[in-house]
Amino acid sequence: MTSGPNRIMDDFAKLMTDAAGAAQGARKEIETAFRAQAERFLNGMDLVKREEFEVVREMAIKARDENDALKARIEALEAKLAASK
């Protein structure tokens, strides 16, 4: 069994190791609580996720392209109808 200054140093080293472990555990707990709170806050703001935004954006682009094609077709039919009068 160690005694004297060596034992004091060993006990001090163990105390510091335990304190570092406790601090790291507290840090992880705080990070987890912060992330949960941030997620609750963002969900309450009714924000759109990036993936959902991209899907709707692609749908809008496709609809616009279809509308442009239909408009061109209608104009061609109207021109043909006007020419046949």
N, C-alpha and C. Protein backbone atom coordinates (compact mmCIF):
# COMPACT_ATOMS: atom_id res chain seq x y z
N MET A 1 0.85 -1.17 0.00
CA MET A 1 0.00 0.00 0.00
C MET A 1 0.89 1.22 0.00
N THR A 2 0.53 2.21 -0.82
CA THR A 2 1.32 3.41 -0.90
C THR A 2 0.94 4.34 0.24
N SER A 3 1.88 5.18 0.60
CA SER A 3 1.60 6.13 1.67
C SER A 3 2.36 7.41 1.40
N GLY A 4 2.00 8.46 2.12
CA GLY A 4 2.72 9.71 2.00
C GLY A 4 2.38 10.47 0.74
N PRO A 5 3.39 11.17 0.19
CA PRO A 5 3.15 12.04 -0.97
C PRO A 5 2.66 11.29 -2.21
N ASN A 6 3.14 10.04 -2.39
CA ASN A 6 2.70 9.27 -3.55
C ASN A 6 1.20 8.99 -3.48
N ARG A 7 0.73 8.65 -2.32
CA ARG A 7 -0.71 8.36 -2.17
C ARG A 7 -1.52 9.63 -2.39
N ILE A 8 -1.05 10.74 -1.90
CA ILE A 8 -1.76 12.01 -2.09
C ILE A 8 -1.83 12.33 -3.58
N MET A 9 -0.72 12.14 -4.30
CA MET A 9 -0.69 12.41 -5.73
C MET A 9 -1.62 11.44 -6.49
N ASP A 10 -1.60 10.17 -6.07
CA ASP A 10 -2.49 9.19 -6.71
C ASP A 10 -3.95 9.56 -6.48
N ASP A 11 -4.29 9.95 -5.25
CA ASP A 11 -5.66 10.34 -4.94
C ASP A 11 -6.06 11.61 -5.71
N PHE A 12 -5.11 12.54 -5.82
CA PHE A 12 -5.38 13.77 -6.55
C PHE A 12 -5.60 13.48 -8.04
N ALA A 13 -4.79 12.60 -8.61
CA ALA A 13 -4.92 12.23 -10.02
C ALA A 13 -6.27 11.53 -10.25
N LYS A 14 -6.66 10.66 -9.33
CA LYS A 14 -7.95 9.97 -9.46
C LYS A 14 -9.09 10.97 -9.36
N LEU A 15 -8.97 11.93 -8.46
CA LEU A 15 -9.99 12.96 -8.30
C LEU A 15 -10.13 13.79 -9.58
N MET A 16 -9.02 14.15 -10.19
CA MET A 16 -9.05 14.93 -11.43
C MET A 16 -9.65 14.12 -12.58
N THR A 17 -9.32 12.84 -12.64
CA THR A 17 -9.88 11.97 -13.68
C THR A 17 -11.38 11.85 -13.51
N ASP A 18 -11.83 11.66 -12.28
CA ASP A 18 -13.27 11.57 -12.01
C ASP A 18 -13.97 12.89 -12.33
N ALA A 19 -13.33 14.01 -12.01
CA ALA A 19 -13.93 15.31 -12.29
C ALA A 19 -14.04 15.54 -13.80
N ALA A 20 -13.02 15.13 -14.54
CA ALA A 20 -13.06 15.28 -16.00
C ALA A 20 -14.17 14.42 -16.60
N GLY A 21 -14.33 13.21 -16.08
CA GLY A 21 -15.40 12.33 -16.55
C GLY A 21 -16.77 12.91 -16.24
N ALA A 22 -16.93 13.48 -15.05
CA ALA A 22 -18.21 14.10 -14.67
C ALA A 22 -18.49 15.31 -15.55
N ALA A 23 -17.47 16.10 -15.83
CA ALA A 23 -17.65 17.28 -16.68
C ALA A 23 -18.05 16.87 -18.09
N GLN A 24 -17.42 15.81 -18.60
CA GLN A 24 -17.75 15.34 -19.93
C GLN A 24 -19.19 14.81 -19.97
N GLY A 25 -19.60 14.11 -18.94
CA GLY A 25 -20.97 13.61 -18.86
C GLY A 25 -21.98 14.76 -18.81
N ALA A 26 -21.66 15.79 -18.03
CA ALA A 26 -22.54 16.96 -17.94
C ALA A 26 -22.61 17.67 -19.27
N ARG A 27 -21.50 17.76 -19.97
CA ARG A 27 -21.47 18.40 -21.28
C ARG A 27 -22.38 17.67 -22.26
N LYS A 28 -22.32 16.34 -22.27
CA LYS A 28 -23.17 15.55 -23.17
C LYS A 28 -24.64 15.75 -22.81
N GLU A 29 -24.95 15.78 -21.53
CA GLU A 29 -26.33 15.99 -21.10
C GLU A 29 -26.85 17.35 -21.55
N ILE A 30 -26.03 18.37 -21.40
CA ILE A 30 -26.42 19.73 -21.80
C ILE A 30 -26.62 19.79 -23.32
N GLU A 31 -25.72 19.17 -24.09
CA GLU A 31 -25.86 19.16 -25.54
C GLU A 31 -27.16 18.46 -25.95
N THR A 32 -27.46 17.34 -25.32
CA THR A 32 -28.68 16.60 -25.64
C THR A 32 -29.92 17.43 -25.32
N ALA A 33 -29.91 18.08 -24.17
CA ALA A 33 -31.05 18.91 -23.78
C ALA A 33 -31.19 20.10 -24.73
N PHE A 34 -30.08 20.71 -25.12
CA PHE A 34 -30.12 21.85 -26.03
C PHE A 34 -30.67 21.43 -27.39
N ARG A 35 -30.20 20.31 -27.90
CA ARG A 35 -30.68 19.84 -29.20
C ARG A 35 -32.17 19.53 -29.17
N ALA A 36 -32.62 18.91 -28.09
CA ALA A 36 -34.05 18.60 -27.97
C ALA A 36 -34.87 19.89 -27.93
N GLN A 37 -34.40 20.86 -27.18
CA GLN A 37 -35.11 22.15 -27.09
C GLN A 37 -35.09 22.87 -28.43
N ALA A 38 -33.97 22.86 -29.12
CA ALA A 38 -33.88 23.52 -30.43
C ALA A 38 -34.80 22.84 -31.43
N GLU A 39 -34.87 21.52 -31.38
CA GLU A 39 -35.75 20.79 -32.30
C GLU A 39 -37.22 21.13 -32.00
N ARG A 40 -37.59 21.20 -30.72
CA ARG A 40 -38.96 21.59 -30.36
C ARG A 40 -39.27 23.00 -30.86
N PHE A 41 -38.31 23.89 -30.70
CA PHE A 41 -38.50 25.28 -31.15
C PHE A 41 -38.70 25.35 -32.65
N LEU A 42 -37.85 24.65 -33.40
CA LEU A 42 -37.94 24.68 -34.86
C LEU A 42 -39.22 24.01 -35.35
N ASN A 43 -39.63 22.93 -34.70
CA ASN A 43 -40.89 22.28 -35.08
C ASN A 43 -42.08 23.19 -34.83
N GLY A 44 -42.01 23.99 -33.79
CA GLY A 44 -43.08 24.92 -33.47
C GLY A 44 -43.15 26.09 -34.44
N MET A 45 -42.08 26.35 -35.17
CA MET A 45 -42.06 27.46 -36.12
C MET A 45 -42.68 27.08 -37.46
N ASP A 46 -43.05 25.82 -37.64
CA ASP A 46 -43.68 25.36 -38.87
C ASP A 46 -42.79 25.61 -40.09
N LEU A 47 -41.52 25.28 -39.96
CA LEU A 47 -40.57 25.43 -41.06
C LEU A 47 -40.64 24.23 -41.99
N VAL A 48 -40.29 24.44 -43.23
CA VAL A 48 -40.28 23.37 -44.22
C VAL A 48 -38.88 22.79 -44.29
N LYS A 49 -38.80 21.48 -44.34
CA LYS A 49 -37.50 20.83 -44.47
C LYS A 49 -37.00 21.01 -45.90
N ARG A 50 -35.72 21.00 -46.05
CA ARG A 50 -35.08 21.23 -47.36
C ARG A 50 -35.56 20.22 -48.40
N GLU A 51 -35.68 18.95 -48.00
CA GLU A 51 -36.10 17.91 -48.94
C GLU A 51 -37.52 18.19 -49.44
N GLU A 52 -38.42 18.60 -48.53
CA GLU A 52 -39.79 18.91 -48.93
C GLU A 52 -39.82 20.11 -49.87
N PHE A 53 -39.01 21.11 -49.57
CA PHE A 53 -38.93 22.28 -50.42
C PHE A 53 -38.49 21.91 -51.83
N GLU A 54 -37.46 21.07 -51.92
CA GLU A 54 -36.94 20.67 -53.23
C GLU A 54 -37.99 19.90 -54.03
N VAL A 55 -38.77 19.04 -53.37
CA VAL A 55 -39.81 18.28 -54.06
C VAL A 55 -40.86 19.23 -54.63
N VAL A 56 -41.32 20.17 -53.82
CA VAL A 56 -42.33 21.12 -54.28
C VAL A 56 -41.76 22.01 -55.39
N ARG A 57 -40.51 22.38 -55.26
CA ARG A 57 -39.86 23.20 -56.29
C ARG A 57 -39.84 22.47 -57.63
N GLU A 58 -39.47 21.18 -57.60
CA GLU A 58 -39.45 20.39 -58.82
C GLU A 58 -40.85 20.26 -59.42
N MET A 59 -41.87 20.11 -58.56
CA MET A 59 -43.25 20.02 -59.04
C MET A 59 -43.65 21.34 -59.72
N ALA A 60 -43.26 22.46 -59.15
CA ALA A 60 -43.60 23.77 -59.73
C ALA A 60 -42.91 23.96 -61.08
N ILE A 61 -41.66 23.55 -61.19
CA ILE A 61 -40.93 23.65 -62.46
C ILE A 61 -41.62 22.80 -63.52
N LYS A 62 -42.01 21.58 -63.15
CA LYS A 62 -42.67 20.69 -64.10
C LYS A 62 -44.02 21.29 -64.53
N ALA A 63 -44.78 21.83 -63.59
CA ALA A 63 -46.08 22.43 -63.91
C ALA A 63 -45.90 23.63 -64.83
N ARG A 64 -44.89 24.46 -64.57
CA ARG A 64 -44.62 25.62 -65.42
C ARG A 64 -44.27 25.19 -66.84
N ASP A 65 -43.44 24.16 -66.95
CA ASP A 65 -43.07 23.65 -68.28
C ASP A 65 -44.30 23.12 -69.02
N GLU A 66 -45.16 22.40 -68.31
CA GLU A 66 -46.38 21.88 -68.93
C GLU A 66 -47.29 23.03 -69.37
N ASN A 67 -47.41 24.06 -68.54
CA ASN A 67 -48.23 25.22 -68.90
C ASN A 67 -47.67 25.92 -70.13
N ASP A 68 -46.37 26.07 -70.21
CA ASP A 68 -45.75 26.70 -71.38
C ASP A 68 -46.03 25.89 -72.64
N ALA A 69 -45.95 24.56 -72.53
CA ALA A 69 -46.20 23.69 -73.69
C ALA A 69 -47.67 23.80 -74.12
N LEU A 70 -48.57 23.81 -73.14
CA LEU A 70 -50.00 23.93 -73.46
C LEU A 70 -50.31 25.30 -74.07
N LYS A 71 -49.68 26.33 -73.58
CA LYS A 71 -49.89 27.68 -74.12
C LYS A 71 -49.45 27.73 -75.58
N ALA A 72 -48.29 27.15 -75.87
CA ALA A 72 -47.79 27.13 -77.25
C ALA A 72 -48.74 26.34 -78.15
N ARG A 73 -49.28 25.25 -77.63
CA ARG A 73 -50.21 24.44 -78.41
C ARG A 73 -51.50 25.20 -78.71
N ILE A 74 -52.01 25.90 -77.68
CA ILE A 74 -53.23 26.69 -77.86
C ILE A 74 -53.00 27.81 -78.88
N GLU A 75 -51.86 28.48 -78.78
CA GLU A 75 -51.54 29.55 -79.73
C GLU A 75 -51.45 29.00 -81.16
N ALA A 76 -50.87 27.82 -81.30
CA ALA A 76 -50.77 27.21 -82.64
C ALA A 76 -52.15 26.86 -83.17
N LEU A 77 -53.00 26.30 -82.32
CA LEU A 77 -54.36 25.96 -82.74
C LEU A 77 -55.17 27.21 -83.08
N GLU A 78 -55.02 28.27 -82.28
CA GLU A 78 -55.72 29.52 -82.56
C GLU A 78 -55.26 30.13 -83.89
N ALA A 79 -53.95 30.06 -84.15
CA ALA A 79 -53.41 30.58 -85.41
C ALA A 79 -53.95 29.77 -86.58
N LYS A 80 -54.01 28.46 -86.43
CA LYS A 80 -54.52 27.58 -87.48
C LYS A 80 -56.01 27.86 -87.73
N LEU A 81 -56.76 28.07 -86.66
CA LEU A 81 -58.19 28.37 -86.76
C LEU A 81 -58.40 29.72 -87.44
N ALA A 82 -57.59 30.71 -87.08
CA ALA A 82 -57.71 32.04 -87.67
C ALA A 82 -57.35 32.00 -89.16
N ALA A 83 -56.41 31.18 -89.53
CA ALA A 83 -55.98 31.07 -90.92
C ALA A 83 -57.03 30.37 -91.78
N SER A 84 -57.81 29.50 -91.18
CA SER A 84 -58.80 28.74 -91.94
C SER A 84 -60.11 29.51 -92.12
N LYS A 85 -60.28 30.66 -91.47
CA LYS A 85 -61.52 31.45 -91.59
C LYS A 85 -61.55 32.20 -92.84
